[in-house]
N, C-alpha and C. Protein backbone atom coordinates (compact mmCIF):
# COMPACT_ATOMS: atom_id res chain seq x y z
N GLN A 1 39.62 13.13 -9.64
CA GLN A 1 40.22 12.28 -9.00
C GLN A 1 40.83 13.30 -7.66
N VAL A 2 40.51 13.06 -6.37
CA VAL A 2 41.37 13.99 -5.79
C VAL A 2 42.14 13.24 -4.93
N GLN A 3 43.28 12.95 -4.47
CA GLN A 3 43.89 12.26 -3.62
C GLN A 3 44.32 13.09 -2.36
N LEU A 4 44.19 12.48 -0.94
CA LEU A 4 44.63 13.20 0.36
C LEU A 4 45.44 12.11 0.96
N VAL A 5 46.20 13.10 1.40
CA VAL A 5 47.24 11.84 2.54
C VAL A 5 47.30 13.05 3.84
N GLU A 6 47.24 12.01 4.78
CA GLU A 6 47.12 12.68 5.86
C GLU A 6 48.45 12.43 6.57
N SER A 7 48.64 13.57 7.77
CA SER A 7 49.94 13.54 8.34
C SER A 7 49.92 14.14 9.73
N GLY A 8 50.71 14.10 10.65
CA GLY A 8 50.85 14.60 11.98
C GLY A 8 50.40 13.91 13.06
N GLY A 9 49.81 12.44 12.99
CA GLY A 9 49.26 12.15 13.74
C GLY A 9 50.52 11.57 14.96
N GLY A 10 50.08 11.29 16.24
CA GLY A 10 51.18 10.58 17.14
C GLY A 10 50.28 10.13 18.44
N LEU A 11 51.90 10.28 19.57
CA LEU A 11 51.32 9.92 20.52
C LEU A 11 51.69 11.27 21.84
N VAL A 12 50.22 11.88 22.03
CA VAL A 12 50.68 12.87 23.31
C VAL A 12 50.44 12.97 24.77
N GLN A 13 50.65 13.28 25.19
CA GLN A 13 49.94 13.33 26.62
C GLN A 13 48.52 14.12 26.98
N ALA A 14 47.66 13.71 27.66
CA ALA A 14 46.20 14.36 27.81
C ALA A 14 46.69 16.07 28.47
N GLY A 15 46.09 16.78 27.54
CA GLY A 15 46.40 18.30 27.70
C GLY A 15 47.10 19.20 26.53
N GLY A 16 48.00 18.15 25.74
CA GLY A 16 49.04 18.25 24.50
C GLY A 16 48.15 19.14 23.68
N SER A 17 49.24 19.19 22.40
CA SER A 17 48.45 19.84 21.21
C SER A 17 49.06 18.49 20.16
N LEU A 18 48.24 18.57 18.98
CA LEU A 18 49.16 18.14 17.68
C LEU A 18 48.41 18.65 16.61
N ARG A 19 49.04 18.94 15.64
CA ARG A 19 48.39 19.69 14.13
C ARG A 19 48.48 18.49 12.81
N LEU A 20 47.24 18.34 12.52
CA LEU A 20 47.49 17.41 11.72
C LEU A 20 47.02 17.97 10.21
N SER A 21 47.66 17.49 8.96
CA SER A 21 47.64 17.97 7.72
C SER A 21 47.00 16.90 6.79
N CYS A 22 46.73 17.71 5.73
CA CYS A 22 46.16 16.68 4.61
C CYS A 22 46.33 17.33 3.29
N ALA A 23 47.08 16.52 2.95
CA ALA A 23 47.24 17.43 1.51
C ALA A 23 46.92 16.69 0.17
N ALA A 24 46.11 17.39 -0.66
CA ALA A 24 45.54 17.08 -1.72
C ALA A 24 45.86 17.34 -3.22
N SER A 25 45.68 16.49 -3.60
CA SER A 25 46.37 16.28 -5.40
C SER A 25 45.10 16.23 -6.08
N GLY A 26 45.22 16.50 -7.64
CA GLY A 26 44.56 15.92 -8.28
C GLY A 26 43.55 17.16 -8.88
N ARG A 27 42.00 17.05 -8.63
CA ARG A 27 40.94 17.95 -8.86
C ARG A 27 41.13 19.36 -8.43
N THR A 28 40.54 20.27 -8.84
CA THR A 28 40.76 21.80 -7.99
C THR A 28 40.09 21.64 -6.76
N PHE A 29 41.37 21.64 -5.99
CA PHE A 29 41.05 21.73 -4.52
C PHE A 29 39.64 22.69 -3.52
N SER A 30 40.09 23.67 -4.28
CA SER A 30 39.61 24.82 -4.21
C SER A 30 37.97 24.55 -4.31
N SER A 31 37.31 23.65 -5.14
CA SER A 31 36.04 23.37 -5.30
C SER A 31 35.44 22.52 -4.41
N TYR A 32 35.79 21.88 -3.19
CA TYR A 32 35.60 21.02 -2.13
C TYR A 32 35.25 21.42 -0.63
N ILE A 33 34.23 21.35 -0.28
CA ILE A 33 34.55 21.07 0.89
C ILE A 33 35.28 20.85 1.76
N MET A 34 36.24 20.30 2.65
CA MET A 34 36.88 19.65 3.02
C MET A 34 36.80 19.27 4.73
N GLY A 35 36.86 17.96 5.15
CA GLY A 35 36.36 17.61 6.41
C GLY A 35 37.54 16.42 6.97
N TRP A 36 37.11 16.77 8.70
CA TRP A 36 37.97 16.00 9.04
C TRP A 36 37.20 14.78 10.02
N PHE A 37 37.07 13.74 10.11
CA PHE A 37 36.34 13.06 10.86
C PHE A 37 37.48 12.05 11.28
N ARG A 38 36.60 11.18 12.82
CA ARG A 38 37.39 10.08 13.43
C ARG A 38 36.75 9.05 14.02
N GLN A 39 37.50 7.72 13.95
CA GLN A 39 36.92 6.62 14.29
C GLN A 39 37.34 5.72 15.48
N VAL A 40 36.76 5.45 16.41
CA VAL A 40 37.71 4.16 16.80
C VAL A 40 36.89 2.92 16.26
N PRO A 41 37.71 1.58 16.92
CA PRO A 41 37.29 0.55 16.66
C PRO A 41 35.85 0.46 17.12
N GLY A 42 34.98 -0.13 16.11
CA GLY A 42 34.01 -0.62 16.68
C GLY A 42 32.47 0.31 16.44
N LYS A 43 32.98 1.61 16.37
CA LYS A 43 32.38 2.52 16.32
C LYS A 43 32.09 3.27 14.81
N GLU A 44 30.91 3.83 14.55
CA GLU A 44 31.14 4.59 13.33
C GLU A 44 32.10 6.11 13.18
N ARG A 45 32.04 6.05 12.17
CA ARG A 45 32.99 7.38 11.55
C ARG A 45 32.22 8.51 12.43
N GLU A 46 33.14 9.76 13.22
CA GLU A 46 32.41 10.56 13.76
C GLU A 46 32.83 11.74 13.21
N PHE A 47 32.07 12.98 12.97
CA PHE A 47 32.57 14.41 12.48
C PHE A 47 33.29 14.87 13.01
N VAL A 48 34.08 15.63 12.83
CA VAL A 48 34.95 16.44 13.55
C VAL A 48 34.89 17.65 13.52
N ALA A 49 35.54 18.21 12.06
CA ALA A 49 35.19 19.61 11.42
C ALA A 49 35.29 19.39 10.21
N ALA A 50 34.58 21.13 9.76
CA ALA A 50 34.65 21.01 8.27
C ALA A 50 35.09 22.26 7.81
N ILE A 51 35.25 22.68 6.89
CA ILE A 51 35.88 24.11 6.27
C ILE A 51 35.04 24.20 4.85
N ASN A 52 34.94 25.21 4.62
CA ASN A 52 34.30 25.72 3.02
C ASN A 52 35.37 26.03 2.11
N TRP A 53 35.08 26.28 0.90
CA TRP A 53 36.25 26.38 -0.33
C TRP A 53 37.29 27.78 0.11
N GLY A 54 36.67 28.62 0.73
CA GLY A 54 37.43 30.13 0.87
C GLY A 54 37.88 29.79 2.28
N GLY A 55 37.95 29.12 3.06
CA GLY A 55 38.19 29.13 4.28
C GLY A 55 37.57 30.16 5.63
N ALA A 56 36.06 30.67 5.00
CA ALA A 56 35.68 31.70 6.10
C ALA A 56 34.86 30.86 7.31
N THR A 57 34.27 29.69 6.43
CA THR A 57 33.08 29.21 6.97
C THR A 57 33.49 27.77 7.68
N THR A 58 33.54 27.93 9.16
CA THR A 58 33.89 26.10 9.72
C THR A 58 32.88 25.95 10.43
N TYR A 59 32.91 24.75 10.38
CA TYR A 59 32.08 23.64 11.35
C TYR A 59 32.80 22.30 12.04
N TYR A 60 31.89 22.66 13.44
CA TYR A 60 32.93 21.77 14.02
C TYR A 60 31.66 20.81 14.92
N GLY A 61 32.30 19.29 15.16
CA GLY A 61 31.26 18.82 16.20
C GLY A 61 31.22 19.17 17.61
N ASP A 62 30.34 18.94 18.69
CA ASP A 62 30.34 19.14 19.73
C ASP A 62 31.28 19.32 20.73
N SER A 63 31.87 17.72 20.58
CA SER A 63 32.88 17.27 21.30
C SER A 63 33.87 18.13 20.94
N VAL A 64 34.55 18.42 20.11
CA VAL A 64 35.82 19.57 19.92
C VAL A 64 35.69 20.76 19.73
N LYS A 65 34.30 21.29 19.86
CA LYS A 65 34.33 22.95 19.89
C LYS A 65 34.76 23.64 20.72
N GLY A 66 36.16 24.55 20.50
CA GLY A 66 36.48 25.47 21.78
C GLY A 66 37.86 24.96 21.86
N ARG A 67 38.23 23.44 21.13
CA ARG A 67 39.49 23.29 21.55
C ARG A 67 40.24 22.54 20.23
N PHE A 68 39.79 22.48 18.99
CA PHE A 68 39.81 22.36 17.72
C PHE A 68 39.65 23.40 16.84
N THR A 69 40.60 23.44 15.61
CA THR A 69 40.43 24.30 14.95
C THR A 69 40.74 23.86 13.33
N ILE A 70 40.05 24.58 12.43
CA ILE A 70 40.43 23.44 11.01
C ILE A 70 40.57 24.92 10.56
N SER A 71 41.37 24.50 9.38
CA SER A 71 41.69 25.85 8.14
C SER A 71 42.36 25.40 7.19
N ARG A 72 42.67 26.10 6.21
CA ARG A 72 42.96 25.49 4.88
C ARG A 72 43.96 26.33 4.03
N ASP A 73 44.81 25.88 3.35
CA ASP A 73 45.47 26.95 2.23
C ASP A 73 45.36 26.61 1.01
N ASN A 74 44.82 26.99 0.19
CA ASN A 74 44.39 27.00 -1.15
C ASN A 74 45.68 26.61 -1.84
N THR A 75 46.51 27.70 -1.67
CA THR A 75 48.00 27.75 -2.63
C THR A 75 48.69 26.62 -2.36
N LYS A 76 48.32 25.73 -1.29
CA LYS A 76 49.16 24.41 -0.73
C LYS A 76 48.27 23.39 -0.87
N ASN A 77 47.16 23.32 -1.22
CA ASN A 77 46.16 22.56 -1.41
C ASN A 77 46.33 21.70 0.02
N THR A 78 46.09 22.32 1.02
CA THR A 78 46.20 21.60 2.40
C THR A 78 45.53 22.05 3.20
N VAL A 79 45.25 21.41 4.09
CA VAL A 79 43.82 21.34 4.80
C VAL A 79 44.50 21.10 6.47
N TYR A 80 44.38 21.84 7.37
CA TYR A 80 44.83 21.17 9.20
C TYR A 80 43.96 21.20 9.88
N LEU A 81 44.13 20.56 10.72
CA LEU A 81 43.44 20.44 11.85
C LEU A 81 44.37 20.47 13.21
N GLN A 82 44.39 21.98 13.98
CA GLN A 82 44.80 21.83 15.19
C GLN A 82 44.08 21.37 16.07
N MET A 83 45.10 21.15 17.22
CA MET A 83 44.26 20.43 17.97
C MET A 83 44.75 20.60 19.43
N ASN A 84 44.04 21.18 20.48
CA ASN A 84 44.31 21.78 21.49
C ASN A 84 43.96 20.84 22.59
N SER A 85 44.52 20.96 23.81
CA SER A 85 43.78 20.35 24.76
C SER A 85 43.10 19.07 24.62
N LEU A 86 44.29 18.12 24.16
CA LEU A 86 43.55 16.78 23.93
C LEU A 86 43.41 16.17 25.40
N LYS A 87 42.57 15.07 25.32
CA LYS A 87 41.68 14.42 25.96
C LYS A 87 41.75 12.61 25.37
N PRO A 88 42.08 11.95 26.29
CA PRO A 88 42.30 10.21 26.03
C PRO A 88 40.85 10.20 25.08
N GLU A 89 39.87 10.60 25.49
CA GLU A 89 38.44 10.07 24.50
C GLU A 89 38.60 10.74 22.97
N ASP A 90 39.73 11.97 22.57
CA ASP A 90 40.23 11.84 21.40
C ASP A 90 41.04 11.41 20.22
N THR A 91 41.62 9.98 21.30
CA THR A 91 42.55 8.94 20.64
C THR A 91 41.47 8.27 19.49
N ALA A 92 41.68 8.13 18.30
CA ALA A 92 41.35 7.58 17.20
C ALA A 92 42.31 7.49 16.04
N VAL A 93 41.51 7.07 15.01
CA VAL A 93 42.12 7.25 13.64
C VAL A 93 41.22 8.73 12.86
N TYR A 94 42.33 9.54 12.42
CA TYR A 94 41.95 10.76 12.10
C TYR A 94 41.98 10.76 10.71
N TYR A 95 40.60 10.78 9.69
CA TYR A 95 40.61 10.92 8.33
C TYR A 95 40.21 12.28 7.61
N CYS A 96 40.75 12.41 6.50
CA CYS A 96 40.60 13.66 5.64
C CYS A 96 39.48 13.21 4.55
N GLY A 97 38.86 14.04 4.62
CA GLY A 97 37.52 14.02 3.42
C GLY A 97 37.32 14.95 2.75
N ALA A 98 36.78 14.94 1.42
CA ALA A 98 36.79 15.71 0.66
C ALA A 98 35.42 15.56 0.21
N LEU A 99 34.50 16.96 -0.04
CA LEU A 99 33.13 16.89 -0.04
C LEU A 99 32.77 18.12 -1.20
N HIS A 100 32.08 17.57 -2.36
CA HIS A 100 32.12 18.65 -3.92
C HIS A 100 30.88 19.23 -2.62
N GLU A 101 31.69 20.90 -3.32
CA GLU A 101 30.46 21.88 -2.81
C GLU A 101 29.25 21.97 -3.09
N TYR A 102 28.71 21.10 -4.05
CA TYR A 102 27.41 20.68 -3.98
C TYR A 102 26.50 20.24 -3.04
N TYR A 103 27.22 19.65 -2.49
CA TYR A 103 26.66 19.14 -0.95
C TYR A 103 27.41 19.71 0.20
N SER A 104 27.35 21.16 0.22
CA SER A 104 28.11 21.59 1.36
C SER A 104 27.40 21.70 2.23
N SER A 105 25.86 21.74 2.38
CA SER A 105 24.98 21.77 3.58
C SER A 105 25.22 20.39 4.46
N SER A 106 25.71 19.62 3.65
CA SER A 106 25.48 18.16 4.42
C SER A 106 26.86 17.50 4.96
N TYR A 107 27.64 18.60 5.28
CA TYR A 107 29.48 18.36 5.54
C TYR A 107 29.38 17.81 6.56
N SER A 108 28.50 17.31 7.24
CA SER A 108 28.82 16.51 8.87
C SER A 108 28.21 14.50 8.10
N LYS A 109 27.77 14.21 6.81
CA LYS A 109 27.85 13.52 6.46
C LYS A 109 28.81 12.62 5.79
N GLU A 110 29.12 11.60 6.22
CA GLU A 110 30.47 10.99 5.91
C GLU A 110 30.21 10.41 4.65
N ARG A 111 28.94 9.88 4.26
CA ARG A 111 28.52 8.98 3.18
C ARG A 111 28.44 9.90 2.01
N LEU A 112 28.70 11.33 2.08
CA LEU A 112 28.50 12.19 0.99
C LEU A 112 29.69 12.14 0.44
N TYR A 113 30.90 12.49 1.52
CA TYR A 113 32.44 12.72 0.72
C TYR A 113 32.87 11.59 -0.07
N GLY A 114 33.30 12.26 -0.98
CA GLY A 114 33.67 11.23 -2.41
C GLY A 114 34.73 10.81 -2.12
N TYR A 115 35.90 11.64 -1.39
CA TYR A 115 37.12 10.83 -1.39
C TYR A 115 37.91 11.07 0.01
N TRP A 116 38.84 10.07 0.39
CA TRP A 116 39.29 10.15 1.52
C TRP A 116 40.58 9.58 1.56
N GLY A 117 41.42 10.22 2.97
CA GLY A 117 42.96 9.48 2.81
C GLY A 117 42.97 8.56 3.58
N GLN A 118 44.16 8.41 3.99
CA GLN A 118 44.37 6.57 4.44
C GLN A 118 44.11 7.04 6.16
N GLY A 119 44.05 7.59 6.65
CA GLY A 119 44.14 8.15 8.11
C GLY A 119 45.31 7.92 8.97
N THR A 120 45.12 8.87 9.96
CA THR A 120 46.37 8.87 10.77
C THR A 120 46.36 8.83 12.47
N GLN A 121 47.07 7.80 12.95
CA GLN A 121 46.40 7.67 14.29
C GLN A 121 46.89 8.66 15.20
N VAL A 122 46.15 9.34 16.29
CA VAL A 122 46.20 10.20 17.41
C VAL A 122 45.78 8.96 18.44
N THR A 123 46.84 9.42 19.42
CA THR A 123 46.47 8.63 20.77
C THR A 123 47.12 9.79 21.94
N VAL A 124 45.94 10.03 22.93
CA VAL A 124 46.28 10.44 23.58
C VAL A 124 46.11 9.56 25.16
N SER A 125 47.45 10.12 25.82
CA SER A 125 47.64 9.11 27.00
C SER A 125 47.15 10.09 28.29
N SER A 126 46.47 9.37 29.36
CA SER A 126 46.22 9.90 30.69
C SER A 126 47.01 10.09 31.71
């Protein structure tokens, strides 16, 4: 079992920044690809970013490339999402997920993630 707890969400003006954190506990954190997804009511969960176990390889959704940065600290069992130049369309509930490294090539497929946090709300005002 892996338990995930997100934090860092809130209300920010357009153009501002937020940093989300996802603290993991349980099984070996470094064995998992860590991903961030987001969801707005009535829509499917959207892939935002993912990072491999060592932190050297990162992936981003097209809508956040160049603005968001994912990173991880395996000594703290924590993954981060630095969000800059925020836009109103970034408003969503952001979820942290853990994907076993066996499925590493499928990092954008929500259904393959085995563990999820409870989500944290991000609201960007115009």
